[in-house]
Amino acid sequence: LLGHTSRGVTQRYVHLDAALAVAADQVSAEIAKLLDGES
């Protein structure tokens, strides 16, 4: 999510997959709720 340089073999193959998209959605949604004062 942060765009860190790959440090291992596994990370070289982590591109845009469904799991990463779900993670980005959940993290940004949680922060947006906090910023907007939601419960």
PDB file of all heavy atoms in Angstrom:
ATOM      1  N   LEU A   1       0.823  -1.212   0.000  1.00  0.00           N
ATOM      2  CA  LEU A   1       0.000   0.000   0.000  1.00  0.00           C
ATOM      3  C   LEU A   1       0.856   1.262   0.000  1.00  0.00           C
ATOM      4  O   LEU A   1       0.487   2.274  -0.605  1.00  0.00           O
ATOM      5  CB  LEU A   1      -0.922   0.003   1.224  1.00  0.00           C
ATOM      6  CG  LEU A   1      -1.993  -1.088   1.293  1.00  0.00           C
ATOM      7  CD1 LEU A   1      -2.742  -1.006   2.617  1.00  0.00           C
ATOM      8  CD2 LEU A   1      -2.959  -0.980   0.124  1.00  0.00           C
ATOM      9  N   LEU A   2       1.987   1.203   0.682  1.00  0.00           N
ATOM     10  CA  LEU A   2       2.859   2.378   0.799  1.00  0.00           C
ATOM     11  C   LEU A   2       3.804   2.536  -0.382  1.00  0.00           C
ATOM     12  O   LEU A   2       4.451   3.578  -0.522  1.00  0.00           O
ATOM     13  CB  LEU A   2       3.679   2.290   2.087  1.00  0.00           C
ATOM     14  CG  LEU A   2       2.906   2.411   3.403  1.00  0.00           C
ATOM     15  CD1 LEU A   2       3.841   2.191   4.584  1.00  0.00           C
ATOM     16  CD2 LEU A   2       2.234   3.780   3.513  1.00  0.00           C
ATOM     17  N   GLY A   3       3.924   1.487  -1.214  1.00  0.00           N
ATOM     18  CA  GLY A   3       4.835   1.578  -2.350  1.00  0.00           C
ATOM     19  C   GLY A   3       6.282   1.404  -1.968  1.00  0.00           C
ATOM     20  O   GLY A   3       7.172   1.936  -2.634  1.00  0.00           O
ATOM     21  N   HIS A   4       6.546   0.652  -0.882  1.00  0.00           N
ATOM     22  CA  HIS A   4       7.926   0.403  -0.493  1.00  0.00           C
ATOM     23  C   HIS A   4       8.619  -0.456  -1.529  1.00  0.00           C
ATOM     24  O   HIS A   4       8.008  -1.310  -2.178  1.00  0.00           O
ATOM     25  CB  HIS A   4       7.981  -0.322   0.857  1.00  0.00           C
ATOM     26  CG  HIS A   4       7.777   0.605   2.016  1.00  0.00           C
ATOM     27  ND1 HIS A   4       7.834   0.198   3.317  1.00  0.00           N
ATOM     28  CD2 HIS A   4       7.518   1.935   2.069  1.00  0.00           C
ATOM     29  CE1 HIS A   4       7.619   1.216   4.122  1.00  0.00           C
ATOM     30  NE2 HIS A   4       7.417   2.282   3.379  1.00  0.00           N
ATOM     31  N   THR A   5       9.938  -0.283  -1.662  1.00  0.00           N
ATOM     32  CA  THR A   5      10.734  -1.092  -2.568  1.00  0.00           C
ATOM     33  C   THR A   5      10.674  -2.542  -2.132  1.00  0.00           C
ATOM     34  O   THR A   5      10.759  -2.855  -0.951  1.00  0.00           O
ATOM     35  CB  THR A   5      12.202  -0.619  -2.558  1.00  0.00           C
ATOM     36  OG1 THR A   5      12.229   0.762  -2.894  1.00  0.00           O
ATOM     37  CG2 THR A   5      13.027  -1.405  -3.556  1.00  0.00           C
ATOM     38  N   SER A   6      10.541  -3.458  -3.089  1.00  0.00           N
ATOM     39  CA  SER A   6      10.473  -4.879  -2.774  1.00  0.00           C
ATOM     40  C   SER A   6      11.755  -5.320  -2.073  1.00  0.00           C
ATOM     41  O   SER A   6      12.847  -5.006  -2.490  1.00  0.00           O
ATOM     42  CB  SER A   6      10.303  -5.692  -4.056  1.00  0.00           C
ATOM     43  OG  SER A   6       9.088  -5.367  -4.674  1.00  0.00           O
ATOM     44  N   ARG A   7      11.555  -6.071  -0.988  1.00  0.00           N
ATOM     45  CA  ARG A   7      12.713  -6.542  -0.236  1.00  0.00           C
ATOM     46  C   ARG A   7      12.899  -8.048  -0.351  1.00  0.00           C
ATOM     47  O   ARG A   7      13.825  -8.597   0.200  1.00  0.00           O
ATOM     48  CB  ARG A   7      12.559  -6.161   1.242  1.00  0.00           C
ATOM     49  CG  ARG A   7      12.631  -4.677   1.489  1.00  0.00           C
ATOM     50  CD  ARG A   7      12.598  -4.423   2.987  1.00  0.00           C
ATOM     51  NE  ARG A   7      11.356  -4.859   3.575  1.00  0.00           N
ATOM     52  CZ  ARG A   7      10.251  -4.145   3.591  1.00  0.00           C
ATOM     53  NH1 ARG A   7      10.220  -2.966   3.030  1.00  0.00           N
ATOM     54  NH2 ARG A   7       9.158  -4.607   4.159  1.00  0.00           N
ATOM     55  N   GLY A   8      12.024  -8.732  -1.028  1.00  0.00           N
ATOM     56  CA  GLY A   8      12.150 -10.180  -1.119  1.00  0.00           C
ATOM     57  C   GLY A   8      11.505 -10.699  -2.374  1.00  0.00           C
ATOM     58  O   GLY A   8      10.844  -9.987  -3.115  1.00  0.00           O
ATOM     59  N   VAL A   9      11.708 -11.985  -2.631  1.00  0.00           N
ATOM     60  CA  VAL A   9      11.182 -12.594  -3.840  1.00  0.00           C
ATOM     61  C   VAL A   9       9.676 -12.480  -3.897  1.00  0.00           C
ATOM     62  O   VAL A   9       9.089 -12.162  -4.933  1.00  0.00           O
ATOM     63  CB  VAL A   9      11.617 -14.076  -3.907  1.00  0.00           C
ATOM     64  CG1 VAL A   9      10.976 -14.755  -5.107  1.00  0.00           C
ATOM     65  CG2 VAL A   9      13.131 -14.185  -3.980  1.00  0.00           C
ATOM     66  N   THR A  10       9.002 -12.714  -2.754  1.00  0.00           N
ATOM     67  CA  THR A  10       7.541 -12.698  -2.742  1.00  0.00           C
ATOM     68  C   THR A  10       7.008 -11.347  -3.184  1.00  0.00           C
ATOM     69  O   THR A  10       6.092 -11.261  -3.999  1.00  0.00           O
ATOM     70  CB  THR A  10       7.013 -13.021  -1.329  1.00  0.00           C
ATOM     71  OG1 THR A  10       7.606 -14.241  -0.902  1.00  0.00           O
ATOM     72  CG2 THR A  10       5.514 -13.169  -1.340  1.00  0.00           C
ATOM     73  N   GLN A  11       7.608 -10.248  -2.670  1.00  0.00           N
ATOM     74  CA  GLN A  11       7.084  -8.926  -2.961  1.00  0.00           C
ATOM     75  C   GLN A  11       7.223  -8.545  -4.425  1.00  0.00           C
ATOM     76  O   GLN A  11       6.514  -7.677  -4.906  1.00  0.00           O
ATOM     77  CB  GLN A  11       7.779  -7.884  -2.085  1.00  0.00           C
ATOM     78  CG  GLN A  11       7.196  -7.821  -0.683  1.00  0.00           C
ATOM     79  CD  GLN A  11       7.821  -6.702   0.108  1.00  0.00           C
ATOM     80  OE1 GLN A  11       8.879  -6.877   0.674  1.00  0.00           O
ATOM     81  NE2 GLN A  11       7.185  -5.566   0.152  1.00  0.00           N
ATOM     82  N   ARG A  12       8.136  -9.171  -5.142  1.00  0.00           N
ATOM     83  CA  ARG A  12       8.292  -8.833  -6.546  1.00  0.00           C
ATOM     84  C   ARG A  12       7.034  -9.179  -7.339  1.00  0.00           C
ATOM     85  O   ARG A  12       6.806  -8.655  -8.417  1.00  0.00           O
ATOM     86  CB  ARG A  12       9.482  -9.596  -7.139  1.00  0.00           C
ATOM     87  CG  ARG A  12      10.816  -9.195  -6.531  1.00  0.00           C
ATOM     88  CD  ARG A  12      11.929 -10.079  -7.052  1.00  0.00           C
ATOM     89  NE  ARG A  12      13.148  -9.916  -6.255  1.00  0.00           N
ATOM     90  CZ  ARG A  12      14.186 -10.725  -6.324  1.00  0.00           C
ATOM     91  NH1 ARG A  12      14.166 -11.755  -7.150  1.00  0.00           N
ATOM     92  NH2 ARG A  12      15.246 -10.523  -5.575  1.00  0.00           N
ATOM     93  N   TYR A  13       6.217 -10.102  -6.805  1.00  0.00           N
ATOM     94  CA  TYR A  13       5.041 -10.556  -7.528  1.00  0.00           C
ATOM     95  C   TYR A  13       3.759  -9.949  -6.963  1.00  0.00           C
ATOM     96  O   TYR A  13       2.668 -10.313  -7.378  1.00  0.00           O
ATOM     97  CB  TYR A  13       4.965 -12.084  -7.485  1.00  0.00           C
ATOM     98  CG  TYR A  13       6.172 -12.707  -8.138  1.00  0.00           C
ATOM     99  CD1 TYR A  13       7.245 -13.128  -7.372  1.00  0.00           C
ATOM    100  CD2 TYR A  13       6.249 -12.839  -9.517  1.00  0.00           C
ATOM    101  CE1 TYR A  13       8.373 -13.679  -7.972  1.00  0.00           C
ATOM    102  CE2 TYR A  13       7.371 -13.383 -10.125  1.00  0.00           C
ATOM    103  CZ  TYR A  13       8.424 -13.805  -9.347  1.00  0.00           C
ATOM    104  OH  TYR A  13       9.535 -14.328  -9.936  1.00  0.00           O
ATOM    105  N   VAL A  14       3.884  -9.017  -5.995  1.00  0.00           N
ATOM    106  CA  VAL A  14       2.702  -8.354  -5.447  1.00  0.00           C
ATOM    107  C   VAL A  14       2.438  -7.102  -6.279  1.00  0.00           C
ATOM    108  O   VAL A  14       3.156  -6.139  -6.192  1.00  0.00           O
ATOM    109  CB  VAL A  14       2.914  -7.969  -3.968  1.00  0.00           C
ATOM    110  CG1 VAL A  14       1.717  -7.185  -3.465  1.00  0.00           C
ATOM    111  CG2 VAL A  14       3.132  -9.211  -3.136  1.00  0.00           C
ATOM    112  N   HIS A  15       1.439  -7.141  -7.132  1.00  0.00           N
ATOM    113  CA  HIS A  15       1.085  -5.997  -7.950  1.00  0.00           C
ATOM    114  C   HIS A  15      -0.304  -5.520  -7.513  1.00  0.00           C
ATOM    115  O   HIS A  15      -0.521  -5.233  -6.349  1.00  0.00           O
ATOM    116  CB  HIS A  15       1.133  -6.369  -9.433  1.00  0.00           C
ATOM    117  CG  HIS A  15       2.484  -6.844  -9.864  1.00  0.00           C
ATOM    118  ND1 HIS A  15       3.602  -6.052  -9.809  1.00  0.00           N
ATOM    119  CD2 HIS A  15       2.904  -8.058 -10.322  1.00  0.00           C
ATOM    120  CE1 HIS A  15       4.653  -6.725 -10.239  1.00  0.00           C
ATOM    121  NE2 HIS A  15       4.259  -7.946 -10.558  1.00  0.00           N
ATOM    122  N   LEU A  16      -1.222  -5.444  -8.413  1.00  0.00           N
ATOM    123  CA  LEU A  16      -2.571  -5.016  -8.072  1.00  0.00           C
ATOM    124  C   LEU A  16      -3.467  -6.245  -8.041  1.00  0.00           C
ATOM    125  O   LEU A  16      -3.909  -6.724  -9.080  1.00  0.00           O
ATOM    126  CB  LEU A  16      -3.090  -4.007  -9.106  1.00  0.00           C
ATOM    127  CG  LEU A  16      -2.356  -2.673  -9.128  1.00  0.00           C
ATOM    128  CD1 LEU A  16      -3.011  -1.753 -10.128  1.00  0.00           C
ATOM    129  CD2 LEU A  16      -2.328  -2.037  -7.765  1.00  0.00           C
ATOM    130  N   ASP A  17      -3.700  -6.789  -6.885  1.00  0.00           N
ATOM    131  CA  ASP A  17      -4.591  -7.926  -6.777  1.00  0.00           C
ATOM    132  C   ASP A  17      -5.784  -7.539  -5.912  1.00  0.00           C
ATOM    133  O   ASP A  17      -5.833  -6.461  -5.314  1.00  0.00           O
ATOM    134  CB  ASP A  17      -3.879  -9.165  -6.237  1.00  0.00           C
ATOM    135  CG  ASP A  17      -3.206  -8.903  -4.901  1.00  0.00           C
ATOM    136  OD1 ASP A  17      -3.622  -7.948  -4.218  1.00  0.00           O
ATOM    137  OD2 ASP A  17      -2.291  -9.653  -4.544  1.00  0.00           O
ATOM    138  N   ALA A  18      -6.754  -8.434  -5.860  1.00  0.00           N
ATOM    139  CA  ALA A  18      -7.985  -8.133  -5.132  1.00  0.00           C
ATOM    140  C   ALA A  18      -7.724  -7.887  -3.658  1.00  0.00           C
ATOM    141  O   ALA A  18      -8.350  -7.023  -3.039  1.00  0.00           O
ATOM    142  CB  ALA A  18      -8.972  -9.289  -5.318  1.00  0.00           C
ATOM    143  N   ALA A  19      -6.795  -8.648  -3.075  1.00  0.00           N
ATOM    144  CA  ALA A  19      -6.522  -8.507  -1.646  1.00  0.00           C
ATOM    145  C   ALA A  19      -6.000  -7.123  -1.317  1.00  0.00           C
ATOM    146  O   ALA A  19      -6.395  -6.495  -0.327  1.00  0.00           O
ATOM    147  CB  ALA A  19      -5.520  -9.575  -1.202  1.00  0.00           C
ATOM    148  N   LEU A  20      -5.092  -6.601  -2.154  1.00  0.00           N
ATOM    149  CA  LEU A  20      -4.523  -5.282  -1.901  1.00  0.00           C
ATOM    150  C   LEU A  20      -5.588  -4.203  -2.063  1.00  0.00           C
ATOM    151  O   LEU A  20      -5.621  -3.222  -1.309  1.00  0.00           O
ATOM    152  CB  LEU A  20      -3.357  -5.041  -2.869  1.00  0.00           C
ATOM    153  CG  LEU A  20      -2.207  -4.144  -2.375  1.00  0.00           C
ATOM    154  CD1 LEU A  20      -1.622  -4.660  -1.071  1.00  0.00           C
ATOM    155  CD2 LEU A  20      -1.129  -4.045  -3.441  1.00  0.00           C
ATOM    156  N   ALA A  21      -6.469  -4.374  -3.037  1.00  0.00           N
ATOM    157  CA  ALA A  21      -7.547  -3.404  -3.241  1.00  0.00           C
ATOM    158  C   ALA A  21      -8.501  -3.385  -2.050  1.00  0.00           C
ATOM    159  O   ALA A  21      -8.946  -2.319  -1.604  1.00  0.00           O
ATOM    160  CB  ALA A  21      -8.308  -3.743  -4.527  1.00  0.00           C
ATOM    161  N   VAL A  22      -8.816  -4.572  -1.509  1.00  0.00           N
ATOM    162  CA  VAL A  22      -9.677  -4.642  -0.326  1.00  0.00           C
ATOM    163  C   VAL A  22      -9.010  -3.943   0.854  1.00  0.00           C
ATOM    164  O   VAL A  22      -9.652  -3.201   1.613  1.00  0.00           O
ATOM    165  CB  VAL A  22      -9.987  -6.118   0.016  1.00  0.00           C
ATOM    166  CG1 VAL A  22     -10.649  -6.225   1.388  1.00  0.00           C
ATOM    167  CG2 VAL A  22     -10.886  -6.726  -1.047  1.00  0.00           C
ATOM    168  N   ALA A  23      -7.712  -4.169   1.021  1.00  0.00           N
ATOM    169  CA  ALA A  23      -6.979  -3.535   2.126  1.00  0.00           C
ATOM    170  C   ALA A  23      -7.013  -2.022   2.004  1.00  0.00           C
ATOM    171  O   ALA A  23      -7.281  -1.305   2.979  1.00  0.00           O
ATOM    172  CB  ALA A  23      -5.538  -4.042   2.142  1.00  0.00           C
ATOM    173  N   ALA A  24      -6.752  -1.509   0.792  1.00  0.00           N
ATOM    174  CA  ALA A  24      -6.764  -0.055   0.587  1.00  0.00           C
ATOM    175  C   ALA A  24      -8.133   0.525   0.892  1.00  0.00           C
ATOM    176  O   ALA A  24      -8.250   1.599   1.505  1.00  0.00           O
ATOM    177  CB  ALA A  24      -6.349   0.271  -0.849  1.00  0.00           C
ATOM    178  N   ASP A  25      -9.180  -0.176   0.465  1.00  0.00           N
ATOM    179  CA  ASP A  25     -10.542   0.295   0.729  1.00  0.00           C
ATOM    180  C   ASP A  25     -10.840   0.354   2.222  1.00  0.00           C
ATOM    181  O   ASP A  25     -11.386   1.338   2.732  1.00  0.00           O
ATOM    182  CB  ASP A  25     -11.555  -0.640   0.047  1.00  0.00           C
ATOM    183  CG  ASP A  25     -12.042  -0.083  -1.283  1.00  0.00           C
ATOM    184  OD1 ASP A  25     -11.950   1.138  -1.474  1.00  0.00           O
ATOM    185  OD2 ASP A  25     -12.504  -0.882  -2.107  1.00  0.00           O
ATOM    186  N   GLN A  26     -10.482  -0.706   2.941  1.00  0.00           N
ATOM    187  CA  GLN A  26     -10.801  -0.773   4.367  1.00  0.00           C
ATOM    188  C   GLN A  26     -10.014   0.265   5.164  1.00  0.00           C
ATOM    189  O   GLN A  26     -10.568   0.921   6.052  1.00  0.00           O
ATOM    190  CB  GLN A  26     -10.525  -2.177   4.894  1.00  0.00           C
ATOM    191  CG  GLN A  26     -11.494  -3.231   4.371  1.00  0.00           C
ATOM    192  CD  GLN A  26     -11.306  -4.579   5.019  1.00  0.00           C
ATOM    193  OE1 GLN A  26     -10.602  -4.695   6.016  1.00  0.00           O
ATOM    194  NE2 GLN A  26     -11.930  -5.599   4.463  1.00  0.00           N
ATOM    195  N   VAL A  27      -8.732   0.430   4.850  1.00  0.00           N
ATOM    196  CA  VAL A  27      -7.918   1.388   5.607  1.00  0.00           C
ATOM    197  C   VAL A  27      -8.389   2.817   5.334  1.00  0.00           C
ATOM    198  O   VAL A  27      -8.568   3.619   6.261  1.00  0.00           O
ATOM    199  CB  VAL A  27      -6.420   1.235   5.263  1.00  0.00           C
ATOM    200  CG1 VAL A  27      -5.598   2.282   6.015  1.00  0.00           C
ATOM    201  CG2 VAL A  27      -5.925  -0.162   5.616  1.00  0.00           C
ATOM    202  N   SER A  28      -8.589   3.167   4.062  1.00  0.00           N
ATOM    203  CA  SER A  28      -9.013   4.537   3.743  1.00  0.00           C
ATOM    204  C   SER A  28     -10.410   4.822   4.285  1.00  0.00           C
ATOM    205  O   SER A  28     -10.692   5.934   4.742  1.00  0.00           O
ATOM    206  CB  SER A  28      -8.956   4.778   2.232  1.00  0.00           C
ATOM    207  OG  SER A  28      -9.890   3.966   1.548  1.00  0.00           O
ATOM    208  N   ALA A  29     -11.289   3.805   4.258  1.00  0.00           N
ATOM    209  CA  ALA A  29     -12.640   4.000   4.799  1.00  0.00           C
ATOM    210  C   ALA A  29     -12.593   4.243   6.306  1.00  0.00           C
ATOM    211  O   ALA A  29     -13.330   5.094   6.839  1.00  0.00           O
ATOM    212  CB  ALA A  29     -13.509   2.787   4.485  1.00  0.00           C
ATOM    213  N   GLU A  30     -11.729   3.507   7.007  1.00  0.00           N
ATOM    214  CA  GLU A  30     -11.604   3.683   8.460  1.00  0.00           C
ATOM    215  C   GLU A  30     -11.100   5.080   8.792  1.00  0.00           C
ATOM    216  O   GLU A  30     -11.611   5.755   9.694  1.00  0.00           O
ATOM    217  CB  GLU A  30     -10.651   2.626   9.012  1.00  0.00           C
ATOM    218  CG  GLU A  30     -10.419   2.697  10.515  1.00  0.00           C
ATOM    219  CD  GLU A  30     -11.651   2.314  11.315  1.00  0.00           C
ATOM    220  OE1 GLU A  30     -12.575   1.673  10.749  1.00  0.00           O
ATOM    221  OE2 GLU A  30     -11.699   2.651  12.513  1.00  0.00           O
ATOM    222  N   ILE A  31     -10.087   5.552   8.043  1.00  0.00           N
ATOM    223  CA  ILE A  31      -9.537   6.883   8.299  1.00  0.00           C
ATOM    224  C   ILE A  31     -10.559   7.959   7.936  1.00  0.00           C
ATOM    225  O   ILE A  31     -10.700   8.971   8.642  1.00  0.00           O
ATOM    226  CB  ILE A  31      -8.221   7.071   7.520  1.00  0.00           C
ATOM    227  CG1 ILE A  31      -7.155   6.095   8.045  1.00  0.00           C
ATOM    228  CG2 ILE A  31      -7.717   8.508   7.650  1.00  0.00           C
ATOM    229  CD1 ILE A  31      -5.877   6.074   7.242  1.00  0.00           C
ATOM    230  N   ALA A  32     -11.302   7.748   6.839  1.00  0.00           N
ATOM    231  CA  ALA A  32     -12.327   8.723   6.441  1.00  0.00           C
ATOM    232  C   ALA A  32     -13.405   8.852   7.517  1.00  0.00           C
ATOM    233  O   ALA A  32     -13.885   9.955   7.810  1.00  0.00           O
ATOM    234  CB  ALA A  32     -12.943   8.308   5.105  1.00  0.00           C
ATOM    235  N   LYS A  33     -13.806   7.731   8.131  1.00  0.00           N
ATOM    236  CA  LYS A  33     -14.791   7.776   9.214  1.00  0.00           C
ATOM    237  C   LYS A  33     -14.284   8.604  10.386  1.00  0.00           C
ATOM    238  O   LYS A  33     -15.025   9.394  10.975  1.00  0.00           O
ATOM    239  CB  LYS A  33     -15.113   6.355   9.684  1.00  0.00           C
ATOM    240  CG  LYS A  33     -15.962   5.543   8.731  1.00  0.00           C
ATOM    241  CD  LYS A  33     -16.193   4.143   9.278  1.00  0.00           C
ATOM    242  CE  LYS A  33     -17.003   3.292   8.305  1.00  0.00           C
ATOM    243  NZ  LYS A  33     -17.194   1.913   8.824  1.00  0.00           N
ATOM    244  N   LEU A  34     -12.995   8.414  10.717  1.00  0.00           N
ATOM    245  CA  LEU A  34     -12.419   9.185  11.819  1.00  0.00           C
ATOM    246  C   LEU A  34     -12.384  10.672  11.477  1.00  0.00           C
ATOM    247  O   LEU A  34     -12.756  11.520  12.291  1.00  0.00           O
ATOM    248  CB  LEU A  34     -11.018   8.675  12.134  1.00  0.00           C
ATOM    249  CG  LEU A  34     -10.912   7.241  12.670  1.00  0.00           C
ATOM    250  CD1 LEU A  34      -9.448   6.807  12.750  1.00  0.00           C
ATOM    251  CD2 LEU A  34     -11.557   7.128  14.041  1.00  0.00           C
ATOM    252  N   LEU A  35     -11.932  11.008  10.262  1.00  0.00           N
ATOM    253  CA  LEU A  35     -11.838  12.411   9.866  1.00  0.00           C
ATOM    254  C   LEU A  35     -13.208  13.076   9.818  1.00  0.00           C
ATOM    255  O   LEU A  35     -13.346  14.256  10.156  1.00  0.00           O
ATOM    256  CB  LEU A  35     -11.171  12.514   8.493  1.00  0.00           C
ATOM    257  CG  LEU A  35      -9.656  12.295   8.436  1.00  0.00           C
ATOM    258  CD1 LEU A  35      -9.189  12.223   6.986  1.00  0.00           C
ATOM    259  CD2 LEU A  35      -8.905  13.400   9.173  1.00  0.00           C
ATOM    260  N   ASP A  36     -14.202  12.324   9.407  1.00  0.00           N
ATOM    261  CA  ASP A  36     -15.544  12.892   9.251  1.00  0.00           C
ATOM    262  C   ASP A  36     -16.385  12.795  10.518  1.00  0.00           C
ATOM    263  O   ASP A  36     -17.569  13.152  10.519  1.00  0.00           O
ATOM    264  CB  ASP A  36     -16.268  12.195   8.091  1.00  0.00           C
ATOM    265  CG  ASP A  36     -15.567  12.424   6.762  1.00  0.00           C
ATOM    266  OD1 ASP A  36     -14.843  13.438   6.648  1.00  0.00           O
ATOM    267  OD2 ASP A  36     -15.714  11.601   5.842  1.00  0.00           O
ATOM    268  N   GLY A  37     -15.779  12.249  11.587  1.00  0.00           N
ATOM    269  CA  GLY A  37     -16.467  12.224  12.868  1.00  0.00           C
ATOM    270  C   GLY A  37     -17.540  11.178  12.983  1.00  0.00           C
ATOM    271  O   GLY A  37     -18.439  11.288  13.831  1.00  0.00           O
ATOM    272  N   GLU A  38     -17.497  10.133  12.141  1.00  0.00           N
ATOM    273  CA  GLU A  38     -18.509   9.083  12.228  1.00  0.00           C
ATOM    274  C   GLU A  38     -18.174   8.138  13.364  1.00  0.00           C
ATOM    275  O   GLU A  38     -17.063   8.126  13.896  1.00  0.00           O
ATOM    276  CB  GLU A  38     -18.563   8.317  10.895  1.00  0.00           C
ATOM    277  CG  GLU A  38     -18.983   9.191   9.727  1.00  0.00           C
ATOM    278  CD  GLU A  38     -19.028   8.416   8.432  1.00  0.00           C
ATOM    279  OE1 GLU A  38     -19.081   7.177   8.493  1.00  0.00           O
ATOM    280  OE2 GLU A  38     -19.020   9.059   7.364  1.00  0.00           O
ATOM    281  N   SER A  39     -19.124   7.316  13.743  1.00  0.00           N
ATOM    282  CA  SER A  39     -18.933   6.393  14.854  1.00  0.00           C
ATOM    283  C   SER A  39     -17.882   5.357  14.505  1.00  0.00           C
ATOM    284  O   SER A  39     -17.636   5.063  13.341  1.00  0.00           O
ATOM    285  CB  SER A  39     -20.247   5.692  15.190  1.00  0.00           C
ATOM    286  OG  SER A  39     -20.723   4.975  14.069  1.00  0.00           O
TER     287      SER A  39
END
